[in-house]
PDB file of all heavy atoms in Angstrom:
ATOM      1  N   SER A   1     -13.961   7.905   5.875  1.00  0.00           N
ATOM      2  CA  SER A   1     -13.453   6.807   6.768  1.00  0.00           C
ATOM      3  C   SER A   1     -12.791   7.424   7.926  1.00  0.00           C
ATOM      4  O   SER A   1     -11.727   8.156   7.772  1.00  0.00           O
ATOM      5  CB  SER A   1     -12.588   5.893   5.981  1.00  0.00           C
ATOM      6  OG  SER A   1     -11.952   4.999   6.921  1.00  0.00           O
ATOM      7  N   GLN A   2     -13.268   7.215   9.131  1.00  0.00           N
ATOM      8  CA  GLN A   2     -12.517   7.617  10.394  1.00  0.00           C
ATOM      9  C   GLN A   2     -11.158   6.905  10.541  1.00  0.00           C
ATOM     10  O   GLN A   2     -10.272   7.537  11.083  1.00  0.00           O
ATOM     11  CB  GLN A   2     -13.447   7.376  11.589  1.00  0.00           C
ATOM     12  CG  GLN A   2     -14.687   8.251  11.616  1.00  0.00           C
ATOM     13  CD  GLN A   2     -14.390   9.715  11.625  1.00  0.00           C
ATOM     14  OE1 GLN A   2     -13.537  10.174  12.407  1.00  0.00           O
ATOM     15  NE2 GLN A   2     -15.136  10.530  10.886  1.00  0.00           N
ATOM     16  N   ILE A   3     -11.182   5.651  10.177  1.00  0.00           N
ATOM     17  CA  ILE A   3      -9.878   4.859  10.316  1.00  0.00           C
ATOM     18  C   ILE A   3      -8.837   5.506   9.413  1.00  0.00           C
ATOM     19  O   ILE A   3      -7.712   5.732   9.846  1.00  0.00           O
ATOM     20  CB  ILE A   3     -10.154   3.382   9.964  1.00  0.00           C
ATOM     21  CG1 ILE A   3     -11.118   2.814  10.930  1.00  0.00           C
ATOM     22  CG2 ILE A   3      -8.798   2.620   9.966  1.00  0.00           C
ATOM     23  CD1 ILE A   3     -11.557   1.383  10.601  1.00  0.00           C
ATOM     24  N   ALA A   4      -9.187   5.720   8.147  1.00  0.00           N
ATOM     25  CA  ALA A   4      -8.200   6.280   7.202  1.00  0.00           C
ATOM     26  C   ALA A   4      -7.788   7.682   7.627  1.00  0.00           C
ATOM     27  O   ALA A   4      -6.589   8.055   7.472  1.00  0.00           O
ATOM     28  CB  ALA A   4      -8.783   6.313   5.767  1.00  0.00           C
ATOM     29  N   ALA A   5      -8.682   8.479   8.183  1.00  0.00           N
ATOM     30  CA  ALA A   5      -8.365   9.821   8.563  1.00  0.00           C
ATOM     31  C   ALA A   5      -7.296   9.880   9.708  1.00  0.00           C
ATOM     32  O   ALA A   5      -6.504  10.825   9.798  1.00  0.00           O
ATOM     33  CB  ALA A   5      -9.653  10.566   9.073  1.00  0.00           C
ATOM     34  N   LYS A   6      -7.279   8.825  10.570  1.00  0.00           N
ATOM     35  CA  LYS A   6      -6.337   8.758  11.599  1.00  0.00           C
ATOM     36  C   LYS A   6      -5.048   8.057  11.309  1.00  0.00           C
ATOM     37  O   LYS A   6      -4.179   7.966  12.137  1.00  0.00           O
ATOM     38  CB  LYS A   6      -7.007   8.131  12.866  1.00  0.00           C
ATOM     39  CG  LYS A   6      -8.146   8.893  13.394  1.00  0.00           C
ATOM     40  CD  LYS A   6      -8.817   8.148  14.525  1.00  0.00           C
ATOM     41  CE  LYS A   6     -10.041   8.898  15.113  1.00  0.00           C
ATOM     42  NZ  LYS A   6     -10.695   8.217  16.233  1.00  0.00           N
ATOM     43  N   LEU A   7      -4.975   7.518  10.065  1.00  0.00           N
ATOM     44  CA  LEU A   7      -3.820   6.783   9.736  1.00  0.00           C
ATOM     45  C   LEU A   7      -2.564   7.674   9.451  1.00  0.00           C
ATOM     46  O   LEU A   7      -2.679   8.649   8.710  1.00  0.00           O
ATOM     47  CB  LEU A   7      -4.093   5.962   8.411  1.00  0.00           C
ATOM     48  CG  LEU A   7      -2.919   5.098   7.843  1.00  0.00           C
ATOM     49  CD1 LEU A   7      -2.629   3.939   8.810  1.00  0.00           C
ATOM     50  CD2 LEU A   7      -3.289   4.526   6.439  1.00  0.00           C
ATOM     51  N   GLU A   8      -1.491   7.325  10.093  1.00  0.00           N
ATOM     52  CA  GLU A   8      -0.224   8.090   9.939  1.00  0.00           C
ATOM     53  C   GLU A   8       0.829   7.094   9.558  1.00  0.00           C
ATOM     54  O   GLU A   8       0.906   5.979  10.016  1.00  0.00           O
ATOM     55  CB  GLU A   8       0.148   8.795  11.252  1.00  0.00           C
ATOM     56  CG  GLU A   8      -0.769   9.946  11.611  1.00  0.00           C
ATOM     57  CD  GLU A   8      -0.348  10.638  12.842  1.00  0.00           C
ATOM     58  OE1 GLU A   8       0.671  10.242  13.485  1.00  0.00           O
ATOM     59  OE2 GLU A   8      -1.009  11.629  13.232  1.00  0.00           O
ATOM     60  N   MET A   9       1.716   7.526   8.649  1.00  0.00           N
ATOM     61  CA  MET A   9       2.754   6.591   8.126  1.00  0.00           C
ATOM     62  C   MET A   9       3.999   7.337   7.786  1.00  0.00           C
ATOM     63  O   MET A   9       3.948   8.452   7.134  1.00  0.00           O
ATOM     64  CB  MET A   9       2.135   5.892   6.891  1.00  0.00           C
ATOM     65  CG  MET A   9       2.896   4.601   6.546  1.00  0.00           C
ATOM     66  SD  MET A   9       2.048   3.754   5.158  1.00  0.00           S
ATOM     67  CE  MET A   9       0.424   3.469   5.821  1.00  0.00           C
ATOM     68  N   GLY A  10       5.150   6.791   8.246  1.00  0.00           N
ATOM     69  CA  GLY A  10       6.449   7.409   7.898  1.00  0.00           C
ATOM     70  C   GLY A  10       6.922   6.959   6.512  1.00  0.00           C
ATOM     71  O   GLY A  10       6.278   6.093   5.855  1.00  0.00           O
ATOM     72  N   ARG A  11       8.011   7.429   6.093  1.00  0.00           N
ATOM     73  CA  ARG A  11       8.580   7.151   4.743  1.00  0.00           C
ATOM     74  C   ARG A  11       8.942   5.672   4.576  1.00  0.00           C
ATOM     75  O   ARG A  11       8.536   5.048   3.589  1.00  0.00           O
ATOM     76  CB  ARG A  11       9.837   7.946   4.499  1.00  0.00           C
ATOM     77  CG  ARG A  11      10.635   7.681   3.206  1.00  0.00           C
ATOM     78  CD  ARG A  11      11.853   8.550   3.089  1.00  0.00           C
ATOM     79  NE  ARG A  11      12.773   8.238   4.187  1.00  0.00           N
ATOM     80  CZ  ARG A  11      13.646   7.258   4.208  1.00  0.00           C
ATOM     81  NH1 ARG A  11      13.714   6.381   3.194  1.00  0.00           N
ATOM     82  NH2 ARG A  11      14.516   7.080   5.219  1.00  0.00           N
ATOM     83  N   THR A  12       9.520   5.057   5.593  1.00  0.00           N
ATOM     84  CA  THR A  12       9.867   3.636   5.475  1.00  0.00           C
ATOM     85  C   THR A  12       8.703   2.742   5.424  1.00  0.00           C
ATOM     86  O   THR A  12       8.611   1.813   4.573  1.00  0.00           O
ATOM     87  CB  THR A  12      10.784   3.292   6.646  1.00  0.00           C
ATOM     88  OG1 THR A  12      11.854   4.183   6.745  1.00  0.00           O
ATOM     89  CG2 THR A  12      11.328   1.820   6.515  1.00  0.00           C
ATOM     90  N   LYS A  13       7.677   3.013   6.299  1.00  0.00           N
ATOM     91  CA  LYS A  13       6.496   2.191   6.363  1.00  0.00           C
ATOM     92  C   LYS A  13       5.689   2.313   5.004  1.00  0.00           C
ATOM     93  O   LYS A  13       5.151   1.411   4.530  1.00  0.00           O
ATOM     94  CB  LYS A  13       5.594   2.551   7.520  1.00  0.00           C
ATOM     95  CG  LYS A  13       4.500   1.555   7.749  1.00  0.00           C
ATOM     96  CD  LYS A  13       3.635   1.998   8.924  1.00  0.00           C
ATOM     97  CE  LYS A  13       4.421   1.775  10.304  1.00  0.00           C
ATOM     98  NZ  LYS A  13       3.525   2.079  11.435  1.00  0.00           N
ATOM     99  N   LEU A  14       5.645   3.524   4.427  1.00  0.00           N
ATOM    100  CA  LEU A  14       4.990   3.866   3.251  1.00  0.00           C
ATOM    101  C   LEU A  14       5.627   2.988   2.087  1.00  0.00           C
ATOM    102  O   LEU A  14       4.987   2.401   1.258  1.00  0.00           O
ATOM    103  CB  LEU A  14       4.989   5.300   2.927  1.00  0.00           C
ATOM    104  CG  LEU A  14       4.273   5.680   1.594  1.00  0.00           C
ATOM    105  CD1 LEU A  14       2.811   5.263   1.684  1.00  0.00           C
ATOM    106  CD2 LEU A  14       4.354   7.153   1.372  1.00  0.00           C
ATOM    107  N   ALA A  15       7.013   2.957   2.081  1.00  0.00           N
ATOM    108  CA  ALA A  15       7.681   2.221   1.071  1.00  0.00           C
ATOM    109  C   ALA A  15       7.312   0.707   1.228  1.00  0.00           C
ATOM    110  O   ALA A  15       7.206   0.108   0.197  1.00  0.00           O
ATOM    111  CB  ALA A  15       9.232   2.424   1.281  1.00  0.00           C
ATOM    112  N   TYR A  16       7.285   0.192   2.379  1.00  0.00           N
ATOM    113  CA  TYR A  16       6.910  -1.196   2.580  1.00  0.00           C
ATOM    114  C   TYR A  16       5.519  -1.491   2.117  1.00  0.00           C
ATOM    115  O   TYR A  16       5.200  -2.494   1.433  1.00  0.00           O
ATOM    116  CB  TYR A  16       7.036  -1.590   4.047  1.00  0.00           C
ATOM    117  CG  TYR A  16       8.407  -2.050   4.476  1.00  0.00           C
ATOM    118  CD1 TYR A  16       9.282  -1.250   5.094  1.00  0.00           C
ATOM    119  CD2 TYR A  16       8.804  -3.372   4.197  1.00  0.00           C
ATOM    120  CE1 TYR A  16      10.509  -1.649   5.435  1.00  0.00           C
ATOM    121  CE2 TYR A  16      10.066  -3.838   4.512  1.00  0.00           C
ATOM    122  CZ  TYR A  16      10.938  -2.947   5.132  1.00  0.00           C
ATOM    123  OH  TYR A  16      12.182  -3.340   5.509  1.00  0.00           O
ATOM    124  N   LEU A  17       4.587  -0.500   2.339  1.00  0.00           N
ATOM    125  CA  LEU A  17       3.175  -0.631   1.941  1.00  0.00           C
ATOM    126  C   LEU A  17       3.144  -0.788   0.389  1.00  0.00           C
ATOM    127  O   LEU A  17       2.402  -1.587  -0.207  1.00  0.00           O
ATOM    128  CB  LEU A  17       2.371   0.488   2.399  1.00  0.00           C
ATOM    129  CG  LEU A  17       0.922   0.540   2.010  1.00  0.00           C
ATOM    130  CD1 LEU A  17       0.110  -0.676   2.536  1.00  0.00           C
ATOM    131  CD2 LEU A  17       0.192   1.810   2.399  1.00  0.00           C
ATOM    132  N   ILE A  18       3.897   0.134  -0.314  1.00  0.00           N
ATOM    133  CA  ILE A  18       3.857   0.176  -1.754  1.00  0.00           C
ATOM    134  C   ILE A  18       4.475  -1.102  -2.337  1.00  0.00           C
ATOM    135  O   ILE A  18       3.918  -1.731  -3.188  1.00  0.00           O
ATOM    136  CB  ILE A  18       4.613   1.418  -2.287  1.00  0.00           C
ATOM    137  CG1 ILE A  18       3.862   2.702  -1.924  1.00  0.00           C
ATOM    138  CG2 ILE A  18       4.805   1.326  -3.783  1.00  0.00           C
ATOM    139  CD1 ILE A  18       4.617   3.952  -2.206  1.00  0.00           C
ATOM    140  N   THR A  19       5.651  -1.467  -1.754  1.00  0.00           N
ATOM    141  CA  THR A  19       6.437  -2.600  -2.320  1.00  0.00           C
ATOM    142  C   THR A  19       5.729  -3.930  -2.059  1.00  0.00           C
ATOM    143  O   THR A  19       5.649  -4.767  -3.001  1.00  0.00           O
ATOM    144  CB  THR A  19       7.815  -2.635  -1.678  1.00  0.00           C
ATOM    145  OG1 THR A  19       8.470  -1.403  -1.887  1.00  0.00           O
ATOM    146  CG2 THR A  19       8.670  -3.713  -2.286  1.00  0.00           C
ATOM    147  N   PHE A  20       5.213  -4.126  -0.834  1.00  0.00           N
ATOM    148  CA  PHE A  20       4.652  -5.472  -0.477  1.00  0.00           C
ATOM    149  C   PHE A  20       3.186  -5.528  -0.401  1.00  0.00           C
ATOM    150  O   PHE A  20       2.615  -6.602  -0.158  1.00  0.00           O
ATOM    151  CB  PHE A  20       5.331  -5.929   0.819  1.00  0.00           C
ATOM    152  CG  PHE A  20       6.814  -6.035   0.858  1.00  0.00           C
ATOM    153  CD1 PHE A  20       7.579  -5.099   1.510  1.00  0.00           C
ATOM    154  CD2 PHE A  20       7.447  -7.022   0.141  1.00  0.00           C
ATOM    155  CE1 PHE A  20       8.975  -5.188   1.488  1.00  0.00           C
ATOM    156  CE2 PHE A  20       8.779  -7.130   0.082  1.00  0.00           C
ATOM    157  CZ  PHE A  20       9.538  -6.175   0.776  1.00  0.00           C
ATOM    158  N   GLY A  21       2.525  -4.359  -0.559  1.00  0.00           N
ATOM    159  CA  GLY A  21       1.043  -4.297  -0.523  1.00  0.00           C
ATOM    160  C   GLY A  21       0.455  -3.974  -1.864  1.00  0.00           C
ATOM    161  O   GLY A  21      -0.264  -4.844  -2.455  1.00  0.00           O
ATOM    162  N   LEU A  22       0.826  -2.784  -2.415  1.00  0.00           N
ATOM    163  CA  LEU A  22       0.208  -2.390  -3.684  1.00  0.00           C
ATOM    164  C   LEU A  22       0.790  -3.099  -4.907  1.00  0.00           C
ATOM    165  O   LEU A  22       0.095  -3.490  -5.813  1.00  0.00           O
ATOM    166  CB  LEU A  22       0.321  -0.891  -3.812  1.00  0.00           C
ATOM    167  CG  LEU A  22      -0.372  -0.076  -2.778  1.00  0.00           C
ATOM    168  CD1 LEU A  22      -0.108   1.416  -3.036  1.00  0.00           C
ATOM    169  CD2 LEU A  22      -1.847  -0.306  -2.803  1.00  0.00           C
ATOM    170  N   THR A  23       2.120  -3.272  -4.879  1.00  0.00           N
ATOM    171  CA  THR A  23       2.822  -3.809  -6.076  1.00  0.00           C
ATOM    172  C   THR A  23       2.288  -5.212  -6.467  1.00  0.00           C
ATOM    173  O   THR A  23       1.946  -5.482  -7.584  1.00  0.00           O
ATOM    174  CB  THR A  23       4.333  -3.810  -5.891  1.00  0.00           C
ATOM    175  OG1 THR A  23       4.783  -2.502  -5.668  1.00  0.00           O
ATOM    176  CG2 THR A  23       5.031  -4.447  -7.073  1.00  0.00           C
ATOM    177  N   PRO A  24       2.214  -6.140  -5.499  1.00  0.00           N
ATOM    178  CA  PRO A  24       1.678  -7.497  -5.857  1.00  0.00           C
ATOM    179  C   PRO A  24       0.322  -7.422  -6.360  1.00  0.00           C
ATOM    180  O   PRO A  24      -0.049  -8.213  -7.325  1.00  0.00           O
ATOM    181  CB  PRO A  24       1.779  -8.282  -4.491  1.00  0.00           C
ATOM    182  CG  PRO A  24       2.800  -7.579  -3.689  1.00  0.00           C
ATOM    183  CD  PRO A  24       2.701  -6.111  -4.060  1.00  0.00           C
ATOM    184  N   TYR A  25      -0.507  -6.556  -5.884  1.00  0.00           N
ATOM    185  CA  TYR A  25      -1.910  -6.445  -6.309  1.00  0.00           C
ATOM    186  C   TYR A  25      -1.925  -5.978  -7.787  1.00  0.00           C
ATOM    187  O   TYR A  25      -2.584  -6.662  -8.653  1.00  0.00           O
ATOM    188  CB  TYR A  25      -2.729  -5.489  -5.489  1.00  0.00           C
ATOM    189  CG  TYR A  25      -4.036  -5.145  -6.091  1.00  0.00           C
ATOM    190  CD1 TYR A  25      -5.104  -6.060  -6.084  1.00  0.00           C
ATOM    191  CD2 TYR A  25      -4.243  -3.954  -6.716  1.00  0.00           C
ATOM    192  CE1 TYR A  25      -6.329  -5.699  -6.585  1.00  0.00           C
ATOM    193  CE2 TYR A  25      -5.458  -3.640  -7.311  1.00  0.00           C
ATOM    194  CZ  TYR A  25      -6.490  -4.538  -7.223  1.00  0.00           C
ATOM    195  OH  TYR A  25      -7.750  -4.242  -7.772  1.00  0.00           O
ATOM    196  N   PHE A  26      -1.242  -4.920  -8.149  1.00  0.00           N
ATOM    197  CA  PHE A  26      -1.316  -4.409  -9.479  1.00  0.00           C
ATOM    198  C   PHE A  26      -0.594  -5.375 -10.456  1.00  0.00           C
ATOM    199  O   PHE A  26      -0.952  -5.494 -11.660  1.00  0.00           O
ATOM    200  CB  PHE A  26      -0.714  -2.991  -9.526  1.00  0.00           C
ATOM    201  CG  PHE A  26      -1.584  -1.958  -8.981  1.00  0.00           C
ATOM    202  CD1 PHE A  26      -1.263  -1.270  -7.819  1.00  0.00           C
ATOM    203  CD2 PHE A  26      -2.735  -1.651  -9.572  1.00  0.00           C
ATOM    204  CE1 PHE A  26      -2.073  -0.354  -7.305  1.00  0.00           C
ATOM    205  CE2 PHE A  26      -3.597  -0.638  -9.108  1.00  0.00           C
ATOM    206  CZ  PHE A  26      -3.257   0.051  -7.903  1.00  0.00           C
ATOM    207  N   THR A  27       0.501  -6.011  -9.973  1.00  0.00           N
ATOM    208  CA  THR A  27       1.168  -7.019 -10.839  1.00  0.00           C
ATOM    209  C   THR A  27       0.268  -8.156 -11.166  1.00  0.00           C
ATOM    210  O   THR A  27       0.206  -8.596 -12.298  1.00  0.00           O
ATOM    211  CB  THR A  27       2.408  -7.531 -10.067  1.00  0.00           C
ATOM    212  OG1 THR A  27       3.285  -6.432  -9.798  1.00  0.00           O
ATOM    213  CG2 THR A  27       3.196  -8.489 -11.016  1.00  0.00           C
ATOM    214  N   ASN A  28      -0.523  -8.648 -10.198  1.00  0.00           N
ATOM    215  CA  ASN A  28      -1.469  -9.727 -10.423  1.00  0.00           C
ATOM    216  C   ASN A  28      -2.548  -9.272 -11.454  1.00  0.00           C
ATOM    217  O   ASN A  28      -2.946 -10.035 -12.324  1.00  0.00           O
ATOM    218  CB  ASN A  28      -2.167 -10.146  -9.151  1.00  0.00           C
ATOM    219  CG  ASN A  28      -1.194 -10.992  -8.272  1.00  0.00           C
ATOM    220  OD1 ASN A  28      -0.367 -11.649  -8.776  1.00  0.00           O
ATOM    221  ND2 ASN A  28      -1.426 -10.952  -6.962  1.00  0.00           N
ATOM    222  N   GLU A  29      -2.945  -7.987 -11.341  1.00  0.00           N
ATOM    223  CA  GLU A  29      -3.999  -7.502 -12.226  1.00  0.00           C
ATOM    224  C   GLU A  29      -3.478  -7.473 -13.662  1.00  0.00           C
ATOM    225  O   GLU A  29      -4.202  -7.782 -14.616  1.00  0.00           O
ATOM    226  CB  GLU A  29      -4.451  -6.046 -11.790  1.00  0.00           C
ATOM    227  CG  GLU A  29      -5.276  -6.001 -10.536  1.00  0.00           C
ATOM    228  CD  GLU A  29      -6.586  -6.809 -10.719  1.00  0.00           C
ATOM    229  OE1 GLU A  29      -7.389  -6.464 -11.681  1.00  0.00           O
ATOM    230  OE2 GLU A  29      -6.822  -7.698  -9.944  1.00  0.00           O
ATOM    231  N   ILE A  30      -2.214  -7.107 -13.813  1.00  0.00           N
ATOM    232  CA  ILE A  30      -1.624  -7.033 -15.151  1.00  0.00           C
ATOM    233  C   ILE A  30      -1.560  -8.398 -15.780  1.00  0.00           C
ATOM    234  O   ILE A  30      -1.953  -8.597 -16.967  1.00  0.00           O
ATOM    235  CB  ILE A  30      -0.219  -6.367 -15.113  1.00  0.00           C
ATOM    236  CG1 ILE A  30      -0.283  -4.878 -14.777  1.00  0.00           C
ATOM    237  CG2 ILE A  30       0.479  -6.555 -16.473  1.00  0.00           C
ATOM    238  CD1 ILE A  30       1.069  -4.276 -14.468  1.00  0.00           C
ATOM    239  N   PHE A  31      -1.088  -9.383 -14.989  1.00  0.00           N
ATOM    240  CA  PHE A  31      -0.996 -10.744 -15.490  1.00  0.00           C
ATOM    241  C   PHE A  31      -2.276 -11.395 -15.780  1.00  0.00           C
ATOM    242  O   PHE A  31      -2.391 -12.260 -16.706  1.00  0.00           O
ATOM    243  CB  PHE A  31      -0.109 -11.568 -14.570  1.00  0.00           C
ATOM    244  CG  PHE A  31       1.428 -11.352 -14.708  1.00  0.00           C
ATOM    245  CD1 PHE A  31       2.110 -10.486 -13.946  1.00  0.00           C
ATOM    246  CD2 PHE A  31       2.096 -12.066 -15.767  1.00  0.00           C
ATOM    247  CE1 PHE A  31       3.450 -10.300 -14.073  1.00  0.00           C
ATOM    248  CE2 PHE A  31       3.455 -11.895 -15.923  1.00  0.00           C
ATOM    249  CZ  PHE A  31       4.138 -10.991 -15.091  1.00  0.00           C
ATOM    250  N   LYS A  32      -3.313 -11.068 -15.105  1.00  0.00           N
ATOM    251  CA  LYS A  32      -4.659 -11.489 -15.358  1.00  0.00           C
ATOM    252  C   LYS A  32      -5.116 -11.015 -16.748  1.00  0.00           C
ATOM    253  O   LYS A  32      -5.680 -11.733 -17.514  1.00  0.00           O
ATOM    254  CB  LYS A  32      -5.668 -10.959 -14.337  1.00  0.00           C
ATOM    255  CG  LYS A  32      -5.648 -11.781 -12.965  1.00  0.00           C
ATOM    256  CD  LYS A  32      -6.660 -11.178 -12.047  1.00  0.00           C
ATOM    257  CE  LYS A  32      -6.564 -11.824 -10.630  1.00  0.00           C
ATOM    258  NZ  LYS A  32      -7.579 -11.196  -9.733  1.00  0.00           N
TER     259      LYS A  32
END
């Protein structure tokens, strides 16, 4: 992926991605 290859992210933005992006997804999967 050319888009992913150019993606740059700092510590704070990565924390937001994990907390508000990945966490709800995996939590929903567990409850399913």
